[in-house]
């Protein structure tokens, strides 16, 4: 952790990145770099693909990358989660995906998480979902092909605190349901963060019980999920009646805590 000349706090894990590059055999000057951690198409199970070369410990590298992605490099969270799904039966394509992440880290070794807190005490959440992102890529006989992906970011005073990218455990039947599942998962992480920020604020003399002092907002890009979240239980929208019950808890918390629900354009979603 270092402080820049501009007064910003920068968190890096260059030592861990060097260990990853060494494990992947990318620590030489001849190893090429990549400027994106993953390809454009999803990483599939590749059951009939070529067997792994076994030139490095797949699970060990994934473990180091998970630690790195969870602390200072949210930019590789999606790519690492995709590789982690195949930790117990990797194929050559999965090893190549890991090496691509390594090549990206080689190009961005000196980058890290920059904390530049704003002057306002606020908590913002940005939940999003990719509906059935593996459909058409994964085998139709694999239930995972219909799974949607949850991704969200929670910031405190514009500083990233929590970020997640993972497949949803249940199969969503619509884009709205996938977005609602992502919103529910995000709220499970958001509400404890609000409580922690509130407690810390009290210790330094800030009035955090008043929402005019501590602003909490959820930025949602799906209109249907936004309407449902703003609807007081036990009411529900027509399209959500078959899964509305499991949304009651976070809708009640949103209204009880005075959390603002704001529409955000998809291209601006973090």
Protein backbone atom coordinates (compact mmCIF):
# COMPACT_ATOMS: atom_id res chain seq x y z
CA UNK A 1 0.00 0.00 0.00
CA UNK A 2 1.46 3.34 -1.07
CA UNK A 3 0.40 6.96 -1.19
CA UNK A 4 0.81 8.74 -4.51
CA UNK A 5 1.97 12.33 -5.02
CA UNK A 6 -1.67 13.29 -5.63
CA UNK A 7 -2.62 11.99 -2.18
CA UNK A 8 -4.32 8.82 -3.45
CA UNK A 9 -3.93 5.43 -1.81
CA UNK A 10 -2.79 2.67 -4.17
CA UNK A 11 -2.88 -1.00 -3.20
CA UNK A 12 -0.72 -3.43 -5.18
CA UNK A 13 0.29 -7.07 -4.89
CA UNK A 14 3.25 -7.20 -7.25
CA UNK A 15 4.90 -9.95 -5.21
CA UNK A 16 1.92 -12.25 -5.66
CA UNK A 17 1.74 -11.39 -9.37
CA UNK A 18 5.40 -12.39 -9.71
CA UNK A 19 4.64 -15.73 -8.04
CA UNK A 20 1.78 -16.32 -10.49
CA UNK A 21 3.99 -15.48 -13.48
CA UNK A 22 6.72 -17.77 -12.17
CA UNK A 23 4.26 -20.65 -11.68
CA UNK A 24 2.91 -20.17 -15.23
CA UNK A 25 6.37 -19.88 -16.75
CA UNK A 26 5.71 -16.34 -17.93
CA UNK A 27 8.47 -14.67 -15.93
CA UNK A 28 10.82 -14.41 -18.91
CA UNK A 29 11.24 -11.37 -21.14
CA UNK A 30 10.12 -13.44 -24.12
CA UNK A 31 6.61 -14.02 -22.76
CA UNK A 32 4.09 -11.90 -24.63
CA UNK A 33 1.54 -9.69 -22.88
CA UNK A 34 -2.23 -9.34 -23.26
CA UNK A 35 -4.34 -6.27 -22.57
CA UNK A 36 -7.54 -8.10 -21.63
CA UNK A 37 -7.79 -10.92 -19.03
CA UNK A 38 -10.23 -13.05 -21.06
CA UNK A 39 -11.42 -13.68 -24.59
CA UNK A 40 -14.72 -12.34 -25.85
CA UNK A 41 -16.47 -15.73 -25.82
CA UNK A 42 -17.31 -17.61 -22.58
CA UNK A 43 -15.03 -20.32 -21.18
CA UNK A 44 -16.85 -23.66 -21.47
CA UNK A 45 -16.36 -27.10 -19.92
CA UNK A 46 -14.76 -28.38 -23.15
CA UNK A 47 -15.33 -32.04 -22.23
CA UNK A 48 -13.96 -33.37 -25.51
CA UNK A 49 -11.09 -30.92 -25.77
CA UNK A 50 -7.39 -31.70 -25.58
CA UNK A 51 -6.10 -32.93 -22.19
CA UNK A 52 -4.07 -30.53 -20.05
CA UNK A 53 -0.30 -30.36 -20.45
CA UNK A 54 0.16 -30.29 -16.68
CA UNK A 55 3.17 -27.96 -16.87
CA UNK A 56 1.94 -26.14 -13.76
CA UNK A 57 -0.38 -26.73 -10.80
CA UNK A 58 -3.76 -25.51 -12.04
CA UNK A 59 -5.39 -25.41 -8.59
CA UNK A 60 -2.43 -23.58 -7.03
CA UNK A 61 -2.47 -20.85 -9.68
CA UNK A 62 -6.26 -20.49 -9.40
CA UNK A 63 -5.94 -20.14 -5.62
CA UNK A 64 -3.38 -17.34 -5.95
CA UNK A 65 -5.49 -15.58 -8.58
CA UNK A 66 -8.63 -15.82 -6.43
CA UNK A 67 -6.75 -14.14 -3.58
CA UNK A 68 -5.44 -11.47 -5.94
CA UNK A 69 -8.85 -10.85 -7.54
CA UNK A 70 -10.54 -10.61 -4.15
CA UNK A 71 -8.20 -8.00 -2.71
CA UNK A 72 -6.61 -5.62 -5.21
CA UNK A 73 -7.54 -6.68 -8.76
CA UNK A 74 -11.31 -6.67 -9.37
CA UNK A 75 -10.57 -6.39 -13.10
CA UNK A 76 -9.70 -10.11 -13.26
CA UNK A 77 -12.58 -11.34 -11.06
CA UNK A 78 -14.72 -12.56 -13.97
CA UNK A 79 -11.89 -14.33 -15.79
CA UNK A 80 -10.63 -16.02 -12.62
CA UNK A 81 -14.10 -17.21 -11.62
CA UNK A 82 -14.53 -18.80 -15.05
CA UNK A 83 -11.26 -20.71 -14.66
CA UNK A 84 -12.05 -21.71 -11.06
CA UNK A 85 -15.17 -23.57 -12.21
CA UNK A 86 -12.96 -26.24 -13.82
CA UNK A 87 -10.37 -26.62 -11.07
CA UNK A 88 -11.00 -30.37 -10.62
CA UNK A 89 -11.06 -31.34 -14.30
CA UNK A 90 -9.15 -28.76 -16.35
CA UNK A 91 -8.56 -29.11 -20.08
CA UNK A 92 -5.92 -27.51 -22.28
CA UNK A 93 -8.28 -24.63 -23.08
CA UNK A 94 -8.59 -23.86 -19.36
CA UNK A 95 -4.80 -23.82 -18.94
CA UNK A 96 -4.59 -21.43 -21.87
CA UNK A 97 -7.24 -19.21 -20.24
CA UNK A 98 -5.15 -19.10 -17.05
CA UNK A 99 -2.06 -18.19 -19.04
CA UNK A 100 -3.99 -15.39 -20.72
CA UNK A 101 -4.78 -13.96 -17.28
CA UNK A 102 -1.08 -14.28 -16.47
CA UNK A 103 -0.12 -12.43 -19.66
CA UNK A 104 -2.59 -9.68 -18.76
CA UNK A 105 -1.08 -9.40 -15.28
CA UNK A 106 2.37 -9.23 -16.85
CA UNK A 107 1.24 -6.22 -18.89
CA UNK A 108 -0.42 -4.58 -15.87
CA UNK A 109 1.95 -5.72 -13.11
CA UNK A 110 2.35 -2.23 -11.65
CA UNK A 111 -1.39 -1.56 -11.56
CA UNK A 112 -3.54 -1.92 -8.47
CA UNK A 113 -6.57 -0.70 -6.59
CA UNK A 114 -6.66 3.10 -6.28
CA UNK A 115 -8.67 4.59 -3.42
CA UNK A 116 -9.79 8.17 -3.95
CA UNK A 117 -12.56 8.80 -1.40
CA UNK A 118 -15.05 11.56 -2.08
CA UNK A 119 -16.01 14.13 0.52
CA UNK A 120 -19.46 12.59 1.05
CA UNK A 121 -20.30 9.62 3.25
CA UNK A 122 -22.26 7.37 0.90
CA UNK A 123 -22.69 3.74 -0.06
CA UNK A 124 -23.48 2.77 -3.65
CA UNK A 125 -24.28 -0.65 -5.12
CA UNK A 126 -24.21 -1.61 -8.79
CA UNK A 127 -25.84 -5.03 -9.36
CA UNK A 128 -26.09 -6.55 -12.83
CA UNK A 129 -26.71 -9.91 -14.51
CA UNK A 130 -25.88 -11.72 -17.73
CA UNK A 131 -28.94 -13.78 -18.66
CA UNK A 132 -28.04 -17.36 -19.74
CA UNK A 133 -24.63 -16.23 -20.93
CA UNK A 134 -23.39 -19.78 -21.62
CA UNK A 135 -26.39 -20.79 -23.73
CA UNK A 136 -25.26 -21.66 -27.23
CA UNK A 137 -21.66 -22.15 -26.11
CA UNK A 138 -21.99 -24.94 -23.54
CA UNK A 139 -23.53 -28.33 -24.33
CA UNK A 140 -27.33 -28.32 -24.10
CA UNK A 141 -27.12 -31.43 -21.88
CA UNK A 142 -25.28 -29.41 -19.22
CA UNK A 143 -27.67 -27.53 -16.86
CA UNK A 144 -25.01 -24.83 -16.42
CA UNK A 145 -25.61 -23.67 -20.02
CA UNK A 146 -28.82 -21.97 -18.85
CA UNK A 147 -27.35 -20.35 -15.74
CA UNK A 148 -27.09 -16.59 -15.56
CA UNK A 149 -24.16 -14.69 -14.08
CA UNK A 150 -24.33 -12.25 -11.19
CA UNK A 151 -21.94 -9.34 -10.97
CA UNK A 152 -21.97 -6.38 -8.61
CA UNK A 153 -19.79 -3.71 -7.06
CA UNK A 154 -20.31 -1.95 -3.73
CA UNK A 155 -18.47 1.30 -3.07
CA UNK A 156 -18.11 3.44 0.06
CA UNK A 157 -17.48 7.12 -0.70
CA UNK A 158 -16.60 6.09 -4.28
CA UNK A 159 -14.00 3.54 -3.08
CA UNK A 160 -14.61 -0.11 -4.12
CA UNK A 161 -15.21 -2.32 -1.10
CA UNK A 162 -16.97 -5.48 -2.33
CA UNK A 163 -17.08 -6.99 -5.81
CA UNK A 164 -18.44 -10.32 -7.02
CA UNK A 165 -18.70 -12.21 -10.31
CA UNK A 166 -20.21 -15.72 -10.19
CA UNK A 167 -22.83 -17.96 -11.75
CA UNK A 168 -26.25 -17.96 -10.13
CA UNK A 169 -27.25 -21.13 -8.29
CA UNK A 170 -30.76 -21.26 -9.77
CA UNK A 171 -31.93 -21.03 -13.35
CA UNK A 172 -33.60 -17.72 -14.19
CA UNK A 173 -36.43 -17.87 -16.72
CA UNK A 174 -36.19 -14.25 -17.83
CA UNK A 175 -33.81 -11.32 -17.89
CA UNK A 176 -35.81 -9.68 -15.11
CA UNK A 177 -35.53 -12.74 -12.86
CA UNK A 178 -31.77 -12.90 -13.46
CA UNK A 179 -31.50 -9.22 -12.53
CA UNK A 180 -33.63 -9.73 -9.42
CA UNK A 181 -31.42 -12.65 -8.34
CA UNK A 182 -28.37 -10.43 -8.78
CA UNK A 183 -30.07 -7.66 -6.81
CA UNK A 184 -30.91 -10.06 -3.99
CA UNK A 185 -27.32 -11.33 -3.81
CA UNK A 186 -26.04 -7.77 -3.84
CA UNK A 187 -28.36 -6.80 -0.98
CA UNK A 188 -27.05 -9.68 1.14
CA UNK A 189 -23.64 -8.03 0.96
CA UNK A 190 -24.85 -4.42 0.95
CA UNK A 191 -26.82 -4.38 4.21
CA UNK A 192 -23.89 -5.58 6.39
CA UNK A 193 -21.65 -2.99 4.70
CA UNK A 194 -24.18 -0.28 5.61
CA UNK A 195 -24.15 -1.45 9.24
CA UNK A 196 -20.34 -1.50 9.37
CA UNK A 197 -20.06 1.98 7.86
CA UNK A 198 -22.67 3.21 10.32
CA UNK A 199 -20.78 1.81 13.32
CA UNK A 200 -17.44 3.19 12.13
CA UNK A 201 -19.08 6.55 11.47
CA UNK A 202 -20.38 6.73 15.03
CA UNK A 203 -16.90 6.12 16.45
CA UNK A 204 -15.55 9.16 14.60
CA UNK A 205 -18.49 11.38 15.51
CA UNK A 206 -20.57 11.19 12.33
CA UNK A 207 -24.36 11.13 12.44
CA UNK A 208 -25.00 8.01 10.36
CA UNK A 209 -28.55 7.24 11.52
CA UNK A 210 -29.89 10.06 9.35
CA UNK A 211 -30.07 9.15 5.66
CA UNK A 212 -29.50 12.80 4.80
CA UNK A 213 -26.01 12.34 6.26
CA UNK A 214 -25.23 8.86 4.87
CA UNK A 215 -26.65 8.34 1.39
CA UNK A 216 -27.28 4.73 0.29
CA UNK A 217 -28.19 4.03 -3.34
CA UNK A 218 -28.70 0.99 -5.54
CA UNK A 219 -28.11 1.59 -9.25
CA UNK A 220 -30.19 -0.81 -11.36
CA UNK A 221 -30.36 -0.95 -15.16
CA UNK A 222 -33.35 -3.30 -15.49
CA UNK A 223 -36.70 -1.50 -15.40
CA UNK A 224 -38.65 -4.58 -14.25
CA UNK A 225 -36.31 -5.28 -11.34
CA UNK A 226 -36.43 -1.61 -10.40
CA UNK A 227 -40.24 -1.57 -10.28
CA UNK A 228 -40.36 -4.78 -8.21
CA UNK A 229 -37.78 -3.50 -5.74
CA UNK A 230 -39.78 -0.30 -5.26
CA UNK A 231 -43.04 -2.22 -4.71
CA UNK A 232 -43.92 -2.71 -1.05
CA UNK A 233 -44.55 -6.36 -0.03
CA UNK A 234 -46.80 -8.30 -0.22
CA UNK A 235 -47.59 -6.65 -3.56
CA UNK A 236 -45.76 -7.84 -6.65
CA UNK A 237 -45.64 -7.26 -10.39
CA UNK A 238 -47.46 -9.64 -12.79
CA UNK A 239 -44.28 -11.09 -14.27
CA UNK A 240 -42.71 -11.74 -10.87
CA UNK A 241 -45.59 -13.50 -9.13
CA UNK A 242 -43.96 -16.95 -9.28
CA UNK A 243 -40.77 -15.83 -7.49
CA UNK A 244 -41.94 -12.68 -5.65
CA UNK A 245 -42.00 -14.36 -2.21
CA UNK A 246 -38.21 -14.78 -2.08
CA UNK A 247 -37.81 -11.05 -2.80
CA UNK A 248 -39.87 -9.90 0.18
CA UNK A 249 -36.94 -9.78 2.61
CA UNK A 250 -34.73 -7.39 0.63
CA UNK A 251 -37.66 -5.21 -0.51
CA UNK A 252 -38.65 -4.76 3.13
CA UNK A 253 -35.05 -3.89 4.06
CA UNK A 254 -34.76 -1.40 1.21
CA UNK A 255 -37.83 0.51 2.42
CA UNK A 256 -36.93 0.18 6.11
CA UNK A 257 -33.40 1.48 5.59
CA UNK A 258 -34.44 4.27 3.20
CA UNK A 259 -32.23 3.00 0.38
CA UNK A 260 -32.65 4.92 -2.88
CA UNK A 261 -33.25 2.95 -6.08
CA UNK A 262 -31.85 4.74 -9.11
CA UNK A 263 -32.10 3.89 -12.81
CA UNK A 264 -28.77 3.65 -14.57
CA UNK A 265 -28.05 3.10 -18.25
CA UNK A 266 -26.54 -0.30 -19.09
CA UNK A 267 -23.47 1.27 -20.71
CA UNK A 268 -22.80 3.17 -17.46
CA UNK A 269 -23.27 0.15 -15.18
CA UNK A 270 -20.10 -0.68 -13.27
